[in-house]
Amino acid sequence: EFDNLLGNDASLAKQLYHIKKTGN
């Protein structure tokens, strides 16, 4: 969902919010 919604910002958002493929 992060990847689909945020485009170029996805990487930064995942880093900031600790988003993982397997889930946190």
mmCIF file of all heavy atoms, coordinates in Angstrom:
data_MODEL
# 
_entry.id   MODEL 
# 
loop_
_atom_site.group_PDB 
_atom_site.id 
_atom_site.type_symbol 
_atom_site.label_atom_id 
_atom_site.label_alt_id 
_atom_site.label_comp_id 
_atom_site.label_asym_id 
_atom_site.label_entity_id 
_atom_site.label_seq_id 
_atom_site.pdbx_PDB_ins_code 
_atom_site.Cartn_x 
_atom_site.Cartn_y 
_atom_site.Cartn_z 
_atom_site.occupancy 
_atom_site.B_iso_or_equiv 
_atom_site.pdbx_formal_charge 
_atom_site.auth_seq_id 
_atom_site.auth_comp_id 
_atom_site.auth_asym_id 
_atom_site.auth_atom_id 
_atom_site.pdbx_PDB_model_num 
ATOM 1   N N   . GLU A 1 1  ? 0.836  -1.203  0.000  1.00 0.00 ? 1  GLU A N   1 
ATOM 2   C CA  . GLU A 1 1  ? 0.000  0.000   0.000  1.00 0.00 ? 1  GLU A CA  1 
ATOM 3   C C   . GLU A 1 1  ? 0.871  1.253   0.000  1.00 0.00 ? 1  GLU A C   1 
ATOM 4   O O   . GLU A 1 1  ? 0.568  2.232   -0.701 1.00 0.00 ? 1  GLU A O   1 
ATOM 5   C CB  . GLU A 1 1  ? -0.926 -0.010  1.219  1.00 0.00 ? 1  GLU A CB  1 
ATOM 6   C CG  . GLU A 1 1  ? -2.085 -0.995  1.098  1.00 0.00 ? 1  GLU A CG  1 
ATOM 7   C CD  . GLU A 1 1  ? -2.909 -1.077  2.374  1.00 0.00 ? 1  GLU A CD  1 
ATOM 8   O OE1 . GLU A 1 1  ? -2.320 -1.146  3.479  1.00 0.00 ? 1  GLU A OE1 1 
ATOM 9   O OE2 . GLU A 1 1  ? -4.144 -1.063  2.285  1.00 0.00 ? 1  GLU A OE2 1 
ATOM 10  N N   . PHE A 1 2  ? 1.928  1.263   0.783  1.00 0.00 ? 2  PHE A N   1 
ATOM 11  C CA  . PHE A 1 2  ? 2.846  2.408   0.784  1.00 0.00 ? 2  PHE A CA  1 
ATOM 12  C C   . PHE A 1 2  ? 3.452  2.611   -0.603 1.00 0.00 ? 2  PHE A C   1 
ATOM 13  O O   . PHE A 1 2  ? 3.524  3.733   -1.109 1.00 0.00 ? 2  PHE A O   1 
ATOM 14  C CB  . PHE A 1 2  ? 3.945  2.199   1.830  1.00 0.00 ? 2  PHE A CB  1 
ATOM 15  C CG  . PHE A 1 2  ? 3.662  2.853   3.161  1.00 0.00 ? 2  PHE A CG  1 
ATOM 16  C CD1 . PHE A 1 2  ? 2.482  2.592   3.852  1.00 0.00 ? 2  PHE A CD1 1 
ATOM 17  C CD2 . PHE A 1 2  ? 4.567  3.729   3.726  1.00 0.00 ? 2  PHE A CD2 1 
ATOM 18  C CE1 . PHE A 1 2  ? 2.215  3.178   5.070  1.00 0.00 ? 2  PHE A CE1 1 
ATOM 19  C CE2 . PHE A 1 2  ? 4.309  4.334   4.948  1.00 0.00 ? 2  PHE A CE2 1 
ATOM 20  C CZ  . PHE A 1 2  ? 3.132  4.060   5.629  1.00 0.00 ? 2  PHE A CZ  1 
ATOM 21  N N   . ASP A 1 3  ? 3.885  1.509   -1.218 1.00 0.00 ? 3  ASP A N   1 
ATOM 22  C CA  . ASP A 1 3  ? 4.498  1.604   -2.551 1.00 0.00 ? 3  ASP A CA  1 
ATOM 23  C C   . ASP A 1 3  ? 3.504  2.153   -3.574 1.00 0.00 ? 3  ASP A C   1 
ATOM 24  O O   . ASP A 1 3  ? 3.839  3.033   -4.386 1.00 0.00 ? 3  ASP A O   1 
ATOM 25  C CB  . ASP A 1 3  ? 4.998  0.234   -3.006 1.00 0.00 ? 3  ASP A CB  1 
ATOM 26  C CG  . ASP A 1 3  ? 6.224  -0.228  -2.224 1.00 0.00 ? 3  ASP A CG  1 
ATOM 27  O OD1 . ASP A 1 3  ? 6.953  0.639   -1.700 1.00 0.00 ? 3  ASP A OD1 1 
ATOM 28  O OD2 . ASP A 1 3  ? 6.436  -1.450  -2.144 1.00 0.00 ? 3  ASP A OD2 1 
ATOM 29  N N   . ASN A 1 4  ? 2.288  1.649   -3.541 1.00 0.00 ? 4  ASN A N   1 
ATOM 30  C CA  . ASN A 1 4  ? 1.286  2.060   -4.525 1.00 0.00 ? 4  ASN A CA  1 
ATOM 31  C C   . ASN A 1 4  ? 0.844  3.512   -4.341 1.00 0.00 ? 4  ASN A C   1 
ATOM 32  O O   . ASN A 1 4  ? 0.595  4.222   -5.319 1.00 0.00 ? 4  ASN A O   1 
ATOM 33  C CB  . ASN A 1 4  ? 0.057  1.156   -4.450 1.00 0.00 ? 4  ASN A CB  1 
ATOM 34  C CG  . ASN A 1 4  ? 0.358  -0.271  -4.879 1.00 0.00 ? 4  ASN A CG  1 
ATOM 35  O OD1 . ASN A 1 4  ? 1.371  -0.530  -5.528 1.00 0.00 ? 4  ASN A OD1 1 
ATOM 36  N ND2 . ASN A 1 4  ? -0.512 -1.193  -4.504 1.00 0.00 ? 4  ASN A ND2 1 
ATOM 37  N N   . LEU A 1 5  ? 0.749  3.948   -3.093 1.00 0.00 ? 5  LEU A N   1 
ATOM 38  C CA  . LEU A 1 5  ? 0.196  5.271   -2.809 1.00 0.00 ? 5  LEU A CA  1 
ATOM 39  C C   . LEU A 1 5  ? 1.222  6.392   -2.894 1.00 0.00 ? 5  LEU A C   1 
ATOM 40  O O   . LEU A 1 5  ? 0.895  7.520   -3.265 1.00 0.00 ? 5  LEU A O   1 
ATOM 41  C CB  . LEU A 1 5  ? -0.423 5.289   -1.397 1.00 0.00 ? 5  LEU A CB  1 
ATOM 42  C CG  . LEU A 1 5  ? -1.710 4.488   -1.196 1.00 0.00 ? 5  LEU A CG  1 
ATOM 43  C CD1 . LEU A 1 5  ? -2.016 4.341   0.285  1.00 0.00 ? 5  LEU A CD1 1 
ATOM 44  C CD2 . LEU A 1 5  ? -2.869 5.183   -1.911 1.00 0.00 ? 5  LEU A CD2 1 
ATOM 45  N N   . LEU A 1 6  ? 2.469  6.077   -2.538 1.00 0.00 ? 6  LEU A N   1 
ATOM 46  C CA  . LEU A 1 6  ? 3.434  7.153   -2.308 1.00 0.00 ? 6  LEU A CA  1 
ATOM 47  C C   . LEU A 1 6  ? 4.463  7.335   -3.408 1.00 0.00 ? 6  LEU A C   1 
ATOM 48  O O   . LEU A 1 6  ? 5.204  8.327   -3.412 1.00 0.00 ? 6  LEU A O   1 
ATOM 49  C CB  . LEU A 1 6  ? 4.146  6.921   -0.970 1.00 0.00 ? 6  LEU A CB  1 
ATOM 50  C CG  . LEU A 1 6  ? 3.227  6.904   0.258  1.00 0.00 ? 6  LEU A CG  1 
ATOM 51  C CD1 . LEU A 1 6  ? 4.010  6.551   1.501  1.00 0.00 ? 6  LEU A CD1 1 
ATOM 52  C CD2 . LEU A 1 6  ? 2.537  8.249   0.433  1.00 0.00 ? 6  LEU A CD2 1 
ATOM 53  N N   . GLY A 1 7  ? 4.561  6.403   -4.322 1.00 0.00 ? 7  GLY A N   1 
ATOM 54  C CA  . GLY A 1 7  ? 5.490  6.565   -5.438 1.00 0.00 ? 7  GLY A CA  1 
ATOM 55  C C   . GLY A 1 7  ? 6.910  6.828   -4.975 1.00 0.00 ? 7  GLY A C   1 
ATOM 56  O O   . GLY A 1 7  ? 7.489  6.047   -4.203 1.00 0.00 ? 7  GLY A O   1 
ATOM 57  N N   . ASN A 1 8  ? 7.488  7.950   -5.401 1.00 0.00 ? 8  ASN A N   1 
ATOM 58  C CA  . ASN A 1 8  ? 8.879  8.266   -5.073 1.00 0.00 ? 8  ASN A CA  1 
ATOM 59  C C   . ASN A 1 8  ? 9.113  8.504   -3.581 1.00 0.00 ? 8  ASN A C   1 
ATOM 60  O O   . ASN A 1 8  ? 10.247 8.414   -3.105 1.00 0.00 ? 8  ASN A O   1 
ATOM 61  C CB  . ASN A 1 8  ? 9.339  9.502   -5.852 1.00 0.00 ? 8  ASN A CB  1 
ATOM 62  C CG  . ASN A 1 8  ? 9.397  9.246   -7.344 1.00 0.00 ? 8  ASN A CG  1 
ATOM 63  O OD1 . ASN A 1 8  ? 9.557  8.105   -7.786 1.00 0.00 ? 8  ASN A OD1 1 
ATOM 64  N ND2 . ASN A 1 8  ? 9.251  10.309  -8.145 1.00 0.00 ? 8  ASN A ND2 1 
ATOM 65  N N   . ASP A 1 9  ? 8.032  8.821   -2.849 1.00 0.00 ? 9  ASP A N   1 
ATOM 66  C CA  . ASP A 1 9  ? 8.170  9.060   -1.404 1.00 0.00 ? 9  ASP A CA  1 
ATOM 67  C C   . ASP A 1 9  ? 8.084  7.776   -0.586 1.00 0.00 ? 9  ASP A C   1 
ATOM 68  O O   . ASP A 1 9  ? 8.254  7.805   0.637  1.00 0.00 ? 9  ASP A O   1 
ATOM 69  C CB  . ASP A 1 9  ? 7.071  10.013  -0.915 1.00 0.00 ? 9  ASP A CB  1 
ATOM 70  C CG  . ASP A 1 9  ? 7.255  11.422  -1.439 1.00 0.00 ? 9  ASP A CG  1 
ATOM 71  O OD1 . ASP A 1 9  ? 8.417  11.814  -1.668 1.00 0.00 ? 9  ASP A OD1 1 
ATOM 72  O OD2 . ASP A 1 9  ? 6.240  12.135  -1.609 1.00 0.00 ? 9  ASP A OD2 1 
ATOM 73  N N   . ALA A 1 10 ? 7.812  6.653   -1.235 1.00 0.00 ? 10 ALA A N   1 
ATOM 74  C CA  . ALA A 1 10 ? 7.574  5.403   -0.503 1.00 0.00 ? 10 ALA A CA  1 
ATOM 75  C C   . ALA A 1 10 ? 8.788  4.985   0.308  1.00 0.00 ? 10 ALA A C   1 
ATOM 76  O O   . ALA A 1 10 ? 8.667  4.563   1.469  1.00 0.00 ? 10 ALA A O   1 
ATOM 77  C CB  . ALA A 1 10 ? 7.157  4.296   -1.464 1.00 0.00 ? 10 ALA A CB  1 
ATOM 78  N N   . SER A 1 11 ? 9.959  5.083   -0.279 1.00 0.00 ? 11 SER A N   1 
ATOM 79  C CA  . SER A 1 11 ? 11.168 4.634   0.414  1.00 0.00 ? 11 SER A CA  1 
ATOM 80  C C   . SER A 1 11 ? 11.397 5.433   1.694  1.00 0.00 ? 11 SER A C   1 
ATOM 81  O O   . SER A 1 11 ? 11.678 4.868   2.760  1.00 0.00 ? 11 SER A O   1 
ATOM 82  C CB  . SER A 1 11 ? 12.380 4.767   -0.514 1.00 0.00 ? 11 SER A CB  1 
ATOM 83  O OG  . SER A 1 11 ? 13.562 4.382   0.154  1.00 0.00 ? 11 SER A OG  1 
ATOM 84  N N   . LEU A 1 12 ? 11.262 6.761   1.610  1.00 0.00 ? 12 LEU A N   1 
ATOM 85  C CA  . LEU A 1 12 ? 11.431 7.613   2.787  1.00 0.00 ? 12 LEU A CA  1 
ATOM 86  C C   . LEU A 1 12 ? 10.370 7.301   3.832  1.00 0.00 ? 12 LEU A C   1 
ATOM 87  O O   . LEU A 1 12 ? 10.673 7.184   5.032  1.00 0.00 ? 12 LEU A O   1 
ATOM 88  C CB  . LEU A 1 12 ? 11.346 9.087   2.375  1.00 0.00 ? 12 LEU A CB  1 
ATOM 89  C CG  . LEU A 1 12 ? 11.347 10.112  3.518  1.00 0.00 ? 12 LEU A CG  1 
ATOM 90  C CD1 . LEU A 1 12 ? 12.644 10.030  4.322  1.00 0.00 ? 12 LEU A CD1 1 
ATOM 91  C CD2 . LEU A 1 12 ? 11.124 11.527  2.967  1.00 0.00 ? 12 LEU A CD2 1 
ATOM 92  N N   . ALA A 1 13 ? 9.122  7.149   3.404  1.00 0.00 ? 13 ALA A N   1 
ATOM 93  C CA  . ALA A 1 13 ? 8.024  6.881   4.340  1.00 0.00 ? 13 ALA A CA  1 
ATOM 94  C C   . ALA A 1 13 ? 8.217  5.555   5.053  1.00 0.00 ? 13 ALA A C   1 
ATOM 95  O O   . ALA A 1 13 ? 7.988  5.449   6.268  1.00 0.00 ? 13 ALA A O   1 
ATOM 96  C CB  . ALA A 1 13 ? 6.692  6.891   3.595  1.00 0.00 ? 13 ALA A CB  1 
ATOM 97  N N   . LYS A 1 14 ? 8.653  4.540   4.314  1.00 0.00 ? 14 LYS A N   1 
ATOM 98  C CA  . LYS A 1 14 ? 8.879  3.226   4.934  1.00 0.00 ? 14 LYS A CA  1 
ATOM 99  C C   . LYS A 1 14 ? 10.012 3.289   5.950  1.00 0.00 ? 14 LYS A C   1 
ATOM 100 O O   . LYS A 1 14 ? 9.964  2.641   6.990  1.00 0.00 ? 14 LYS A O   1 
ATOM 101 C CB  . LYS A 1 14 ? 9.157  2.178   3.858  1.00 0.00 ? 14 LYS A CB  1 
ATOM 102 C CG  . LYS A 1 14 ? 7.912  1.825   3.038  1.00 0.00 ? 14 LYS A CG  1 
ATOM 103 C CD  . LYS A 1 14 ? 8.116  0.642   2.122  1.00 0.00 ? 14 LYS A CD  1 
ATOM 104 C CE  . LYS A 1 14 ? 9.025  0.961   0.950  1.00 0.00 ? 14 LYS A CE  1 
ATOM 105 N NZ  . LYS A 1 14 ? 9.107  -0.174  -0.009 1.00 0.00 ? 14 LYS A NZ  1 
ATOM 106 N N   . GLN A 1 15 ? 11.010 4.085   5.635  1.00 0.00 ? 15 GLN A N   1 
ATOM 107 C CA  . GLN A 1 15 ? 12.126 4.247   6.563  1.00 0.00 ? 15 GLN A CA  1 
ATOM 108 C C   . GLN A 1 15 ? 11.680 4.979   7.833  1.00 0.00 ? 15 GLN A C   1 
ATOM 109 O O   . GLN A 1 15 ? 11.993 4.566   8.950  1.00 0.00 ? 15 GLN A O   1 
ATOM 110 C CB  . GLN A 1 15 ? 13.247 5.031   5.875  1.00 0.00 ? 15 GLN A CB  1 
ATOM 111 C CG  . GLN A 1 15 ? 14.509 5.183   6.708  1.00 0.00 ? 15 GLN A CG  1 
ATOM 112 C CD  . GLN A 1 15 ? 15.574 5.965   5.947  1.00 0.00 ? 15 GLN A CD  1 
ATOM 113 O OE1 . GLN A 1 15 ? 15.284 6.713   5.025  1.00 0.00 ? 15 GLN A OE1 1 
ATOM 114 N NE2 . GLN A 1 15 ? 16.825 5.773   6.339  1.00 0.00 ? 15 GLN A NE2 1 
ATOM 115 N N   . LEU A 1 16 ? 10.931 6.058   7.655  1.00 0.00 ? 16 LEU A N   1 
ATOM 116 C CA  . LEU A 1 16 ? 10.487 6.855   8.803  1.00 0.00 ? 16 LEU A CA  1 
ATOM 117 C C   . LEU A 1 16 ? 9.527  6.078   9.700  1.00 0.00 ? 16 LEU A C   1 
ATOM 118 O O   . LEU A 1 16 ? 9.601  6.157   10.931 1.00 0.00 ? 16 LEU A O   1 
ATOM 119 C CB  . LEU A 1 16 ? 9.786  8.126   8.310  1.00 0.00 ? 16 LEU A CB  1 
ATOM 120 C CG  . LEU A 1 16 ? 10.663 9.240   7.755  1.00 0.00 ? 16 LEU A CG  1 
ATOM 121 C CD1 . LEU A 1 16 ? 9.793  10.321  7.139  1.00 0.00 ? 16 LEU A CD1 1 
ATOM 122 C CD2 . LEU A 1 16 ? 11.534 9.834   8.856  1.00 0.00 ? 16 LEU A CD2 1 
ATOM 123 N N   . TYR A 1 17 ? 8.598  5.327   9.083  1.00 0.00 ? 17 TYR A N   1 
ATOM 124 C CA  . TYR A 1 17 ? 7.527  4.674   9.824  1.00 0.00 ? 17 TYR A CA  1 
ATOM 125 C C   . TYR A 1 17 ? 7.775  3.184   10.074 1.00 0.00 ? 17 TYR A C   1 
ATOM 126 O O   . TYR A 1 17 ? 6.883  2.472   10.525 1.00 0.00 ? 17 TYR A O   1 
ATOM 127 C CB  . TYR A 1 17 ? 6.192  4.869   9.097  1.00 0.00 ? 17 TYR A CB  1 
ATOM 128 C CG  . TYR A 1 17 ? 5.660  6.283   9.180  1.00 0.00 ? 17 TYR A CG  1 
ATOM 129 C CD1 . TYR A 1 17 ? 5.007  6.863   8.088  1.00 0.00 ? 17 TYR A CD1 1 
ATOM 130 C CD2 . TYR A 1 17 ? 5.789  7.039   10.336 1.00 0.00 ? 17 TYR A CD2 1 
ATOM 131 C CE1 . TYR A 1 17 ? 4.501  8.158   8.153  1.00 0.00 ? 17 TYR A CE1 1 
ATOM 132 C CE2 . TYR A 1 17 ? 5.296  8.325   10.411 1.00 0.00 ? 17 TYR A CE2 1 
ATOM 133 C CZ  . TYR A 1 17 ? 4.660  8.891   9.324  1.00 0.00 ? 17 TYR A CZ  1 
ATOM 134 O OH  . TYR A 1 17 ? 4.164  10.166  9.404  1.00 0.00 ? 17 TYR A OH  1 
ATOM 135 N N   . HIS A 1 18 ? 8.972  2.713   9.750  1.00 0.00 ? 18 HIS A N   1 
ATOM 136 C CA  . HIS A 1 18 ? 9.384  1.331   10.029 1.00 0.00 ? 18 HIS A CA  1 
ATOM 137 C C   . HIS A 1 18 ? 8.437  0.309   9.395  1.00 0.00 ? 18 HIS A C   1 
ATOM 138 O O   . HIS A 1 18 ? 7.985  -0.641  10.049 1.00 0.00 ? 18 HIS A O   1 
ATOM 139 C CB  . HIS A 1 18 ? 9.486  1.097   11.546 1.00 0.00 ? 18 HIS A CB  1 
ATOM 140 C CG  . HIS A 1 18 ? 10.480 1.997   12.217 1.00 0.00 ? 18 HIS A CG  1 
ATOM 141 N ND1 . HIS A 1 18 ? 10.181 3.265   12.649 1.00 0.00 ? 18 HIS A ND1 1 
ATOM 142 C CD2 . HIS A 1 18 ? 11.784 1.810   12.503 1.00 0.00 ? 18 HIS A CD2 1 
ATOM 143 C CE1 . HIS A 1 18 ? 11.253 3.824   13.193 1.00 0.00 ? 18 HIS A CE1 1 
ATOM 144 N NE2 . HIS A 1 18 ? 12.242 2.967   13.114 1.00 0.00 ? 18 HIS A NE2 1 
ATOM 145 N N   . ILE A 1 19 ? 8.134  0.534   8.135  1.00 0.00 ? 19 ILE A N   1 
ATOM 146 C CA  . ILE A 1 19 ? 7.225  -0.348  7.398  1.00 0.00 ? 19 ILE A CA  1 
ATOM 147 C C   . ILE A 1 19 ? 8.033  -1.484  6.767  1.00 0.00 ? 19 ILE A C   1 
ATOM 148 O O   . ILE A 1 19 ? 9.039  -1.244  6.094  1.00 0.00 ? 19 ILE A O   1 
ATOM 149 C CB  . ILE A 1 19 ? 6.472  0.430   6.305  1.00 0.00 ? 19 ILE A CB  1 
ATOM 150 C CG1 . ILE A 1 19 ? 5.744  1.652   6.903  1.00 0.00 ? 19 ILE A CG1 1 
ATOM 151 C CG2 . ILE A 1 19 ? 5.504  -0.477  5.554  1.00 0.00 ? 19 ILE A CG2 1 
ATOM 152 C CD1 . ILE A 1 19 ? 4.709  1.329   7.954  1.00 0.00 ? 19 ILE A CD1 1 
ATOM 153 N N   . LYS A 1 20 ? 7.579  -2.715  6.979  1.00 0.00 ? 20 LYS A N   1 
ATOM 154 C CA  . LYS A 1 20 ? 8.300  -3.892  6.486  1.00 0.00 ? 20 LYS A CA  1 
ATOM 155 C C   . LYS A 1 20 ? 7.398  -4.742  5.589  1.00 0.00 ? 20 LYS A C   1 
ATOM 156 O O   . LYS A 1 20 ? 6.172  -4.764  5.752  1.00 0.00 ? 20 LYS A O   1 
ATOM 157 C CB  . LYS A 1 20 ? 8.778  -4.748  7.662  1.00 0.00 ? 20 LYS A CB  1 
ATOM 158 C CG  . LYS A 1 20 ? 9.722  -4.021  8.617  1.00 0.00 ? 20 LYS A CG  1 
ATOM 159 C CD  . LYS A 1 20 ? 10.078 -4.919  9.791  1.00 0.00 ? 20 LYS A CD  1 
ATOM 160 C CE  . LYS A 1 20 ? 11.005 -4.219  10.778 1.00 0.00 ? 20 LYS A CE  1 
ATOM 161 N NZ  . LYS A 1 20 ? 11.294 -5.061  11.946 1.00 0.00 ? 20 LYS A NZ  1 
ATOM 162 N N   . LYS A 1 21 ? 8.044  -5.456  4.689  1.00 0.00 ? 21 LYS A N   1 
ATOM 163 C CA  . LYS A 1 21 ? 7.295  -6.346  3.793  1.00 0.00 ? 21 LYS A CA  1 
ATOM 164 C C   . LYS A 1 21 ? 6.570  -7.421  4.586  1.00 0.00 ? 21 LYS A C   1 
ATOM 165 O O   . LYS A 1 21 ? 5.428  -7.784  4.290  1.00 0.00 ? 21 LYS A O   1 
ATOM 166 C CB  . LYS A 1 21 ? 8.241  -6.982  2.777  1.00 0.00 ? 21 LYS A CB  1 
ATOM 167 C CG  . LYS A 1 21 ? 7.525  -7.833  1.736  1.00 0.00 ? 21 LYS A CG  1 
ATOM 168 C CD  . LYS A 1 21 ? 8.483  -8.330  0.667  1.00 0.00 ? 21 LYS A CD  1 
ATOM 169 C CE  . LYS A 1 21 ? 7.745  -9.115  -0.414 1.00 0.00 ? 21 LYS A CE  1 
ATOM 170 N NZ  . LYS A 1 21 ? 8.651  -9.569  -1.490 1.00 0.00 ? 21 LYS A NZ  1 
ATOM 171 N N   . THR A 1 22 ? 7.235  -7.947  5.607  1.00 0.00 ? 22 THR A N   1 
ATOM 172 C CA  . THR A 1 22 ? 6.634  -9.002  6.439  1.00 0.00 ? 22 THR A CA  1 
ATOM 173 C C   . THR A 1 22 ? 5.724  -8.438  7.520  1.00 0.00 ? 22 THR A C   1 
ATOM 174 O O   . THR A 1 22 ? 5.061  -9.190  8.240  1.00 0.00 ? 22 THR A O   1 
ATOM 175 C CB  . THR A 1 22 ? 7.741  -9.829  7.110  1.00 0.00 ? 22 THR A CB  1 
ATOM 176 O OG1 . THR A 1 22 ? 8.601  -8.946  7.845  1.00 0.00 ? 22 THR A OG1 1 
ATOM 177 C CG2 . THR A 1 22 ? 8.565  -10.582 6.077  1.00 0.00 ? 22 THR A CG2 1 
ATOM 178 N N   . GLY A 1 23 ? 5.705  -7.104  7.630  1.00 0.00 ? 23 GLY A N   1 
ATOM 179 C CA  . GLY A 1 23 ? 4.897  -6.456  8.659  1.00 0.00 ? 23 GLY A CA  1 
ATOM 180 C C   . GLY A 1 23 ? 5.699  -6.272  9.938  1.00 0.00 ? 23 GLY A C   1 
ATOM 181 O O   . GLY A 1 23 ? 6.539  -7.095  10.279 1.00 0.00 ? 23 GLY A O   1 
ATOM 182 N N   . ASN A 1 24 ? 5.443  -5.176  10.637 1.00 0.00 ? 24 ASN A N   1 
ATOM 183 C CA  . ASN A 1 24 ? 6.088  -4.982  11.945 1.00 0.00 ? 24 ASN A CA  1 
ATOM 184 C C   . ASN A 1 24 ? 5.172  -5.377  13.088 1.00 0.00 ? 24 ASN A C   1 
ATOM 185 O O   . ASN A 1 24 ? 5.526  -5.252  14.258 1.00 0.00 ? 24 ASN A O   1 
ATOM 186 C CB  . ASN A 1 24 ? 6.567  -3.536  12.111 1.00 0.00 ? 24 ASN A CB  1 
ATOM 187 C CG  . ASN A 1 24 ? 5.425  -2.511  12.094 1.00 0.00 ? 24 ASN A CG  1 
ATOM 188 O OD1 . ASN A 1 24 ? 4.281  -2.813  12.412 1.00 0.00 ? 24 ASN A OD1 1 
ATOM 189 N ND2 . ASN A 1 24 ? 5.756  -1.271  11.718 1.00 0.00 ? 24 ASN A ND2 1 
# 
